[in-house]
Amino acid sequence: MRVYLHEISEEDKELHFNGSEPWMVQVVSSLDEQGSILSPPPKAEDKKARAGTQADFNLTKVDDVVIVQGQVDAPVKLICSRCATPYLETLHPDFRMFFTKDPVLAGLDKGGKARHEHDSSDSDVDITLLKQEYVDLSEVLYEQLQLALPVQPLCKADCKGICSNCGADLNKGRCACDKIVKTTPLAALKDFKTKPSKASS
């Protein structure tokens, strides 16, 4: 989804998109984690949550800098890091990004290389250099959703995970591993006792 620079002015440009937009569907779906081929089909409530995907963008220009602000609600399919079950988690990134065609404003010298630290401005604002005449909202959305992904996805805060022995999902109940008598080649020696040797005279 491209917004060309000549369409952006000092007046706020408000854009709203929902889950019916093909480009948004493509971006959000590309972040889905792929589970097992035996994963259950999507539930009706999952499809309803997907339909709730929406994004609001505000674009404005200050001198040679384009400011893009956004708020997003996007359900993404993740794999729980404890029980390996696919689930939907809605990401809510709220962001502000800056773009410019001016290499100097983007922290580069005239040759396109990064300037030394002492040559940079006092501002901590990170300004992205545009190599084209537009801002790609698809790339902006993808980057912000990636940054919002949890490091350790959990289907629920108290997820019990899976049994390390049999792999059963402990959220569905206790497994039978504790009731199974473990047998090993050395199990027969478990009760074997040695007689103390007599001290030599």
C-alpha atoms as a PDB file:
ATOM      1  CA  MET A   1       0.000   0.000   0.000  1.00  0.00           C
ATOM      2  CA  ARG A   2       1.848   3.046  -1.275  1.00  0.00           C
ATOM      3  CA  VAL A   3       1.246   6.644  -0.290  1.00  0.00           C
ATOM      4  CA  TYR A   4       3.144   8.982  -2.610  1.00  0.00           C
ATOM      5  CA  LEU A   5       4.997  11.940  -1.165  1.00  0.00           C
ATOM      6  CA  HIS A   6       3.100  14.485  -3.258  1.00  0.00           C
ATOM      7  CA  GLU A   7      -0.086  13.275  -1.525  1.00  0.00           C
ATOM      8  CA  ILE A   8       1.299  14.167   1.912  1.00  0.00           C
ATOM      9  CA  SER A   9       1.187  17.736   3.173  1.00  0.00           C
ATOM     10  CA  GLU A  10       1.273  19.681   6.425  1.00  0.00           C
ATOM     11  CA  GLU A  11      -2.394  18.801   6.830  1.00  0.00           C
ATOM     12  CA  ASP A  12      -3.051  15.485   8.572  1.00  0.00           C
ATOM     13  CA  LYS A  13      -3.874  12.676   6.176  1.00  0.00           C
ATOM     14  CA  GLU A  14      -6.013  10.078   7.992  1.00  0.00           C
ATOM     15  CA  LEU A  15      -6.237   6.548   6.603  1.00  0.00           C
ATOM     16  CA  HIS A  16      -8.252   3.640   8.004  1.00  0.00           C
ATOM     17  CA  PHE A  17      -7.990   0.022   6.864  1.00  0.00           C
ATOM     18  CA  ASN A  18      -9.693  -3.165   8.030  1.00  0.00           C
ATOM     19  CA  GLY A  19      -9.288  -6.901   7.616  1.00  0.00           C
ATOM     20  CA  SER A  20     -10.992  -6.884   4.224  1.00  0.00           C
ATOM     21  CA  GLU A  21      -8.030  -5.113   2.627  1.00  0.00           C
ATOM     22  CA  PRO A  22      -6.011  -7.702   0.612  1.00  0.00           C
ATOM     23  CA  TRP A  23      -2.671  -6.061   1.419  1.00  0.00           C
ATOM     24  CA  MET A  24      -3.406  -6.155   5.147  1.00  0.00           C
ATOM     25  CA  VAL A  25      -4.457  -9.795   4.975  1.00  0.00           C
ATOM     26  CA  GLN A  26      -1.198 -10.603   3.201  1.00  0.00           C
ATOM     27  CA  VAL A  27       0.961  -8.749   5.747  1.00  0.00           C
ATOM     28  CA  VAL A  28      -0.742 -10.202   8.830  1.00  0.00           C
ATOM     29  CA  SER A  29      -0.852 -13.735   7.394  1.00  0.00           C
ATOM     30  CA  SER A  30       2.856 -13.611   6.595  1.00  0.00           C
ATOM     31  CA  LEU A  31       3.552 -13.348  10.339  1.00  0.00           C
ATOM     32  CA  ASP A  32       1.540 -16.467  11.204  1.00  0.00           C
ATOM     33  CA  GLU A  33       3.619 -19.261  12.693  1.00  0.00           C
ATOM     34  CA  GLN A  34       3.025 -22.571  10.976  1.00  0.00           C
ATOM     35  CA  GLY A  35       2.028 -25.393  13.292  1.00  0.00           C
ATOM     36  CA  SER A  36       1.674 -29.114  12.724  1.00  0.00           C
ATOM     37  CA  ILE A  37      -0.249 -30.384   9.708  1.00  0.00           C
ATOM     38  CA  LEU A  38      -2.460 -32.045  12.327  1.00  0.00           C
ATOM     39  CA  SER A  39      -3.414 -28.669  13.812  1.00  0.00           C
ATOM     40  CA  PRO A  40      -7.177 -28.231  14.177  1.00  0.00           C
ATOM     41  CA  PRO A  41      -8.964 -26.094  11.567  1.00  0.00           C
ATOM     42  CA  PRO A  42      -9.661 -22.458  12.474  1.00  0.00           C
ATOM     43  CA  LYS A  43     -12.576 -21.992  14.856  1.00  0.00           C
ATOM     44  CA  ALA A  44     -15.475 -19.659  14.098  1.00  0.00           C
ATOM     45  CA  GLU A  45     -14.294 -17.252  16.811  1.00  0.00           C
ATOM     46  CA  ASP A  46     -10.809 -17.252  15.247  1.00  0.00           C
ATOM     47  CA  LYS A  47     -12.263 -16.163  11.902  1.00  0.00           C
ATOM     48  CA  LYS A  48     -14.291 -13.497  13.685  1.00  0.00           C
ATOM     49  CA  ALA A  49     -11.149 -12.218  15.423  1.00  0.00           C
ATOM     50  CA  ARG A  50      -9.347 -12.070  12.066  1.00  0.00           C
ATOM     51  CA  ALA A  51     -12.163  -9.951  10.697  1.00  0.00           C
ATOM     52  CA  GLY A  52     -11.459  -7.478  13.502  1.00  0.00           C
ATOM     53  CA  THR A  53      -8.052  -6.597  12.057  1.00  0.00           C
ATOM     54  CA  GLN A  54      -7.745  -2.852  11.600  1.00  0.00           C
ATOM     55  CA  ALA A  55      -5.141  -0.159  11.243  1.00  0.00           C
ATOM     56  CA  ASP A  56      -5.285   3.631  11.513  1.00  0.00           C
ATOM     57  CA  PHE A  57      -2.543   5.762   9.989  1.00  0.00           C
ATOM     58  CA  ASN A  58      -1.900   9.476  10.220  1.00  0.00           C
ATOM     59  CA  LEU A  59       0.555  10.980   7.734  1.00  0.00           C
ATOM     60  CA  THR A  60       1.827  14.537   7.770  1.00  0.00           C
ATOM     61  CA  LYS A  61       4.884  16.435   6.554  1.00  0.00           C
ATOM     62  CA  VAL A  62       7.067  18.851   8.514  1.00  0.00           C
ATOM     63  CA  ASP A  63       9.616  20.509   6.225  1.00  0.00           C
ATOM     64  CA  ASP A  64      11.389  17.555   4.549  1.00  0.00           C
ATOM     65  CA  VAL A  65      10.311  14.938   7.065  1.00  0.00           C
ATOM     66  CA  VAL A  66       7.248  12.704   6.680  1.00  0.00           C
ATOM     67  CA  ILE A  67       5.733  11.584   9.982  1.00  0.00           C
ATOM     68  CA  VAL A  68       3.733   8.360  10.023  1.00  0.00           C
ATOM     69  CA  GLN A  69       1.775   7.545  13.157  1.00  0.00           C
ATOM     70  CA  GLY A  70      -0.313   4.438  13.558  1.00  0.00           C
ATOM     71  CA  GLN A  71      -2.423   2.228  15.782  1.00  0.00           C
ATOM     72  CA  VAL A  72      -3.027  -1.388  14.830  1.00  0.00           C
ATOM     73  CA  ASP A  73      -5.115  -4.298  16.092  1.00  0.00           C
ATOM     74  CA  ALA A  74      -4.039  -7.485  14.331  1.00  0.00           C
ATOM     75  CA  PRO A  75      -4.702 -11.099  15.441  1.00  0.00           C
ATOM     76  CA  VAL A  76      -1.671 -13.235  14.526  1.00  0.00           C
ATOM     77  CA  LYS A  77      -1.461 -17.026  14.789  1.00  0.00           C
ATOM     78  CA  LEU A  78       1.385 -18.017  17.102  1.00  0.00           C
ATOM     79  CA  ILE A  79       2.661 -21.312  18.513  1.00  0.00           C
ATOM     80  CA  CYS A  80       2.675 -21.511  22.317  1.00  0.00           C
ATOM     81  CA  SER A  81       6.244 -21.888  23.563  1.00  0.00           C
ATOM     82  CA  ARG A  82       5.115 -24.273  26.335  1.00  0.00           C
ATOM     83  CA  CYS A  83       2.491 -26.576  24.833  1.00  0.00           C
ATOM     84  CA  ALA A  84       3.120 -26.014  21.081  1.00  0.00           C
ATOM     85  CA  THR A  85      -0.579 -25.306  20.470  1.00  0.00           C
ATOM     86  CA  PRO A  86      -1.490 -22.761  17.754  1.00  0.00           C
ATOM     87  CA  TYR A  87      -3.476 -19.811  19.082  1.00  0.00           C
ATOM     88  CA  LEU A  88      -4.427 -16.280  18.094  1.00  0.00           C
ATOM     89  CA  GLU A  89      -2.862 -13.308  19.857  1.00  0.00           C
ATOM     90  CA  THR A  90      -3.941  -9.787  18.984  1.00  0.00           C
ATOM     91  CA  LEU A  91      -1.016  -7.398  18.631  1.00  0.00           C
ATOM     92  CA  HIS A  92      -1.549  -3.702  19.413  1.00  0.00           C
ATOM     93  CA  PRO A  93       1.448  -1.718  18.153  1.00  0.00           C
ATOM     94  CA  ASP A  94       1.201   2.057  18.598  1.00  0.00           C
ATOM     95  CA  PHE A  95       4.006   3.813  16.768  1.00  0.00           C
ATOM     96  CA  ARG A  96       5.485   6.910  15.162  1.00  0.00           C
ATOM     97  CA  MET A  97       8.006   6.759  12.325  1.00  0.00           C
ATOM     98  CA  PHE A  98       9.926   9.405  10.401  1.00  0.00           C
ATOM     99  CA  PHE A  99      10.958   9.357   6.730  1.00  0.00           C
ATOM    100  CA  THR A 100      12.913  11.702   4.496  1.00  0.00           C
ATOM    101  CA  LYS A 101      14.511  11.939   1.077  1.00  0.00           C
ATOM    102  CA  ASP A 102      17.359  14.009   2.545  1.00  0.00           C
ATOM    103  CA  PRO A 103      20.406  11.804   3.369  1.00  0.00           C
ATOM    104  CA  VAL A 104      21.742  14.354   5.848  1.00  0.00           C
ATOM    105  CA  LEU A 105      18.524  14.352   7.865  1.00  0.00           C
ATOM    106  CA  ALA A 106      18.655  10.550   7.819  1.00  0.00           C
ATOM    107  CA  GLY A 107      22.105  10.630   9.450  1.00  0.00           C
ATOM    108  CA  LEU A 108      24.109   9.975   6.273  1.00  0.00           C
ATOM    109  CA  ASP A 109      26.838  11.978   4.593  1.00  0.00           C
ATOM    110  CA  LYS A 110      26.654  13.080   0.972  1.00  0.00           C
ATOM    111  CA  GLY A 111      28.182   9.777  -0.076  1.00  0.00           C
ATOM    112  CA  GLY A 112      25.378   7.821   1.546  1.00  0.00           C
ATOM    113  CA  LYS A 113      27.506   6.534   4.440  1.00  0.00           C
ATOM    114  CA  ALA A 114      26.643   6.835   8.113  1.00  0.00           C
ATOM    115  CA  ARG A 115      28.189   9.856   9.754  1.00  0.00           C
ATOM    116  CA  HIS A 116      30.453   9.559  12.781  1.00  0.00           C
ATOM    117  CA  GLU A 117      28.820   9.879  16.175  1.00  0.00           C
ATOM    118  CA  HIS A 118      30.229  13.366  16.798  1.00  0.00           C
ATOM    119  CA  ASP A 119      28.808  14.555  13.457  1.00  0.00           C
ATOM    120  CA  SER A 120      25.261  13.444  14.226  1.00  0.00           C
ATOM    121  CA  SER A 121      22.626  15.820  15.498  1.00  0.00           C
ATOM    122  CA  ASP A 122      21.622  16.020  19.130  1.00  0.00           C
ATOM    123  CA  SER A 123      18.218  14.543  18.336  1.00  0.00           C
ATOM    124  CA  ASP A 124      17.571  10.900  19.204  1.00  0.00           C
ATOM    125  CA  VAL A 125      14.905  10.647  16.484  1.00  0.00           C
ATOM    126  CA  ASP A 126      15.549   7.809  14.043  1.00  0.00           C
ATOM    127  CA  ILE A 127      14.739   9.012  10.525  1.00  0.00           C
ATOM    128  CA  THR A 128      14.552   6.475   7.689  1.00  0.00           C
ATOM    129  CA  LEU A 129      15.909   7.448   4.288  1.00  0.00           C
ATOM    130  CA  LEU A 130      13.412   6.989   1.460  1.00  0.00           C
ATOM    131  CA  LYS A 131      14.879   5.723  -1.799  1.00  0.00           C
ATOM    132  CA  GLN A 132      11.586   6.103  -3.638  1.00  0.00           C
ATOM    133  CA  GLU A 133       8.847   8.708  -3.941  1.00  0.00           C
ATOM    134  CA  TYR A 134       6.419   6.976  -1.616  1.00  0.00           C
ATOM    135  CA  VAL A 135       5.956   5.485   1.844  1.00  0.00           C
ATOM    136  CA  ASP A 136       5.028   1.803   1.750  1.00  0.00           C
ATOM    137  CA  LEU A 137       2.500   1.198   4.528  1.00  0.00           C
ATOM    138  CA  SER A 138       2.806  -2.552   3.969  1.00  0.00           C
ATOM    139  CA  GLU A 139       6.441  -2.412   5.058  1.00  0.00           C
ATOM    140  CA  VAL A 140       5.601  -0.127   7.977  1.00  0.00           C
ATOM    141  CA  LEU A 141       2.857  -2.471   9.179  1.00  0.00           C
ATOM    142  CA  TYR A 142       5.023  -5.577   8.805  1.00  0.00           C
ATOM    143  CA  GLU A 143       7.927  -4.036  10.728  1.00  0.00           C
ATOM    144  CA  GLN A 144       5.737  -2.795  13.583  1.00  0.00           C
ATOM    145  CA  LEU A 145       3.922  -6.120  13.959  1.00  0.00           C
ATOM    146  CA  GLN A 146       7.254  -7.945  14.026  1.00  0.00           C
ATOM    147  CA  LEU A 147       8.477  -5.666  16.811  1.00  0.00           C
ATOM    148  CA  ALA A 148       5.265  -6.357  18.747  1.00  0.00           C
ATOM    149  CA  LEU A 149       5.612 -10.155  18.625  1.00  0.00           C
ATOM    150  CA  PRO A 150       6.182 -11.706  22.075  1.00  0.00           C
ATOM    151  CA  VAL A 151       9.588 -13.299  22.675  1.00  0.00           C
ATOM    152  CA  GLN A 152       7.959 -16.328  24.318  1.00  0.00           C
ATOM    153  CA  PRO A 153       4.394 -16.725  23.041  1.00  0.00           C
ATOM    154  CA  LEU A 154       1.976 -18.230  25.580  1.00  0.00           C
ATOM    155  CA  CYS A 155      -1.541 -19.407  24.778  1.00  0.00           C
ATOM    156  CA  LYS A 156      -2.417 -18.393  28.355  1.00  0.00           C
ATOM    157  CA  ALA A 157      -0.433 -17.096  31.309  1.00  0.00           C
ATOM    158  CA  ASP A 158      -0.836 -20.312  33.332  1.00  0.00           C
ATOM    159  CA  CYS A 159      -0.142 -22.734  30.473  1.00  0.00           C
ATOM    160  CA  LYS A 160       1.113 -26.018  31.978  1.00  0.00           C
ATOM    161  CA  GLY A 161       3.019 -27.083  28.881  1.00  0.00           C
ATOM    162  CA  ILE A 162       3.567 -30.673  27.810  1.00  0.00           C
ATOM    163  CA  CYS A 163       4.904 -33.739  29.596  1.00  0.00           C
ATOM    164  CA  SER A 164       8.626 -34.036  28.933  1.00  0.00           C
ATOM    165  CA  ASN A 165       8.267 -37.821  28.873  1.00  0.00           C
ATOM    166  CA  CYS A 166       5.213 -38.578  26.715  1.00  0.00           C
ATOM    167  CA  GLY A 167       4.453 -35.200  25.161  1.00  0.00           C
ATOM    168  CA  ALA A 168       0.862 -35.035  26.444  1.00  0.00           C
ATOM    169  CA  ASP A 169      -0.742 -31.613  26.747  1.00  0.00           C
ATOM    170  CA  LEU A 170      -0.980 -31.056  30.509  1.00  0.00           C
ATOM    171  CA  ASN A 171      -3.605 -28.352  30.008  1.00  0.00           C
ATOM    172  CA  LYS A 172      -6.042 -31.120  29.096  1.00  0.00           C
ATOM    173  CA  GLY A 173      -5.342 -33.149  32.230  1.00  0.00           C
ATOM    174  CA  ARG A 174      -2.643 -35.226  33.899  1.00  0.00           C
ATOM    175  CA  CYS A 175      -0.810 -37.802  31.854  1.00  0.00           C
ATOM    176  CA  ALA A 176      -0.317 -41.431  32.922  1.00  0.00           C
ATOM    177  CA  CYS A 177       3.469 -41.293  33.138  1.00  0.00           C
ATOM    178  CA  ASP A 178       3.503 -41.335  36.966  1.00  0.00           C
ATOM    179  CA  LYS A 179       1.467 -44.562  36.991  1.00  0.00           C
ATOM    180  CA  ILE A 180       3.736 -46.374  34.586  1.00  0.00           C
ATOM    181  CA  VAL A 181       6.471 -48.464  36.247  1.00  0.00           C
ATOM    182  CA  LYS A 182       9.672 -47.565  34.553  1.00  0.00           C
ATOM    183  CA  THR A 183      11.753 -50.622  33.651  1.00  0.00           C
ATOM    184  CA  THR A 184      15.412 -50.533  32.736  1.00  0.00           C
ATOM    185  CA  PRO A 185      17.980 -53.267  32.138  1.00  0.00           C
ATOM    186  CA  LEU A 186      19.321 -52.612  35.645  1.00  0.00           C
ATOM    187  CA  ALA A 187      15.916 -52.622  37.357  1.00  0.00           C
ATOM    188  CA  ALA A 188      16.492 -56.204  38.614  1.00  0.00           C
ATOM    189  CA  LEU A 189      19.480 -54.994  40.641  1.00  0.00           C
ATOM    190  CA  LYS A 190      17.407 -52.407  42.490  1.00  0.00           C
ATOM    191  CA  ASP A 191      16.880 -54.627  45.575  1.00  0.00           C
ATOM    192  CA  PHE A 192      20.153 -56.504  45.323  1.00  0.00           C
ATOM    193  CA  LYS A 193      22.183 -56.280  48.516  1.00  0.00           C
ATOM    194  CA  THR A 194      25.734 -57.354  48.998  1.00  0.00           C
ATOM    195  CA  LYS A 195      26.923 -59.110  52.132  1.00  0.00           C
ATOM    196  CA  PRO A 196      29.672 -57.316  53.996  1.00  0.00           C
ATOM    197  CA  SER A 197      32.950 -59.093  53.504  1.00  0.00           C
ATOM    198  CA  LYS A 198      34.739 -60.565  56.504  1.00  0.00           C
ATOM    199  CA  ALA A 199      37.827 -58.744  57.539  1.00  0.00           C
ATOM    200  CA  SER A 200      40.902 -60.776  56.791  1.00  0.00           C
ATOM    201  CA  SER A 201      42.749 -62.076  59.846  1.00  0.00           C
END
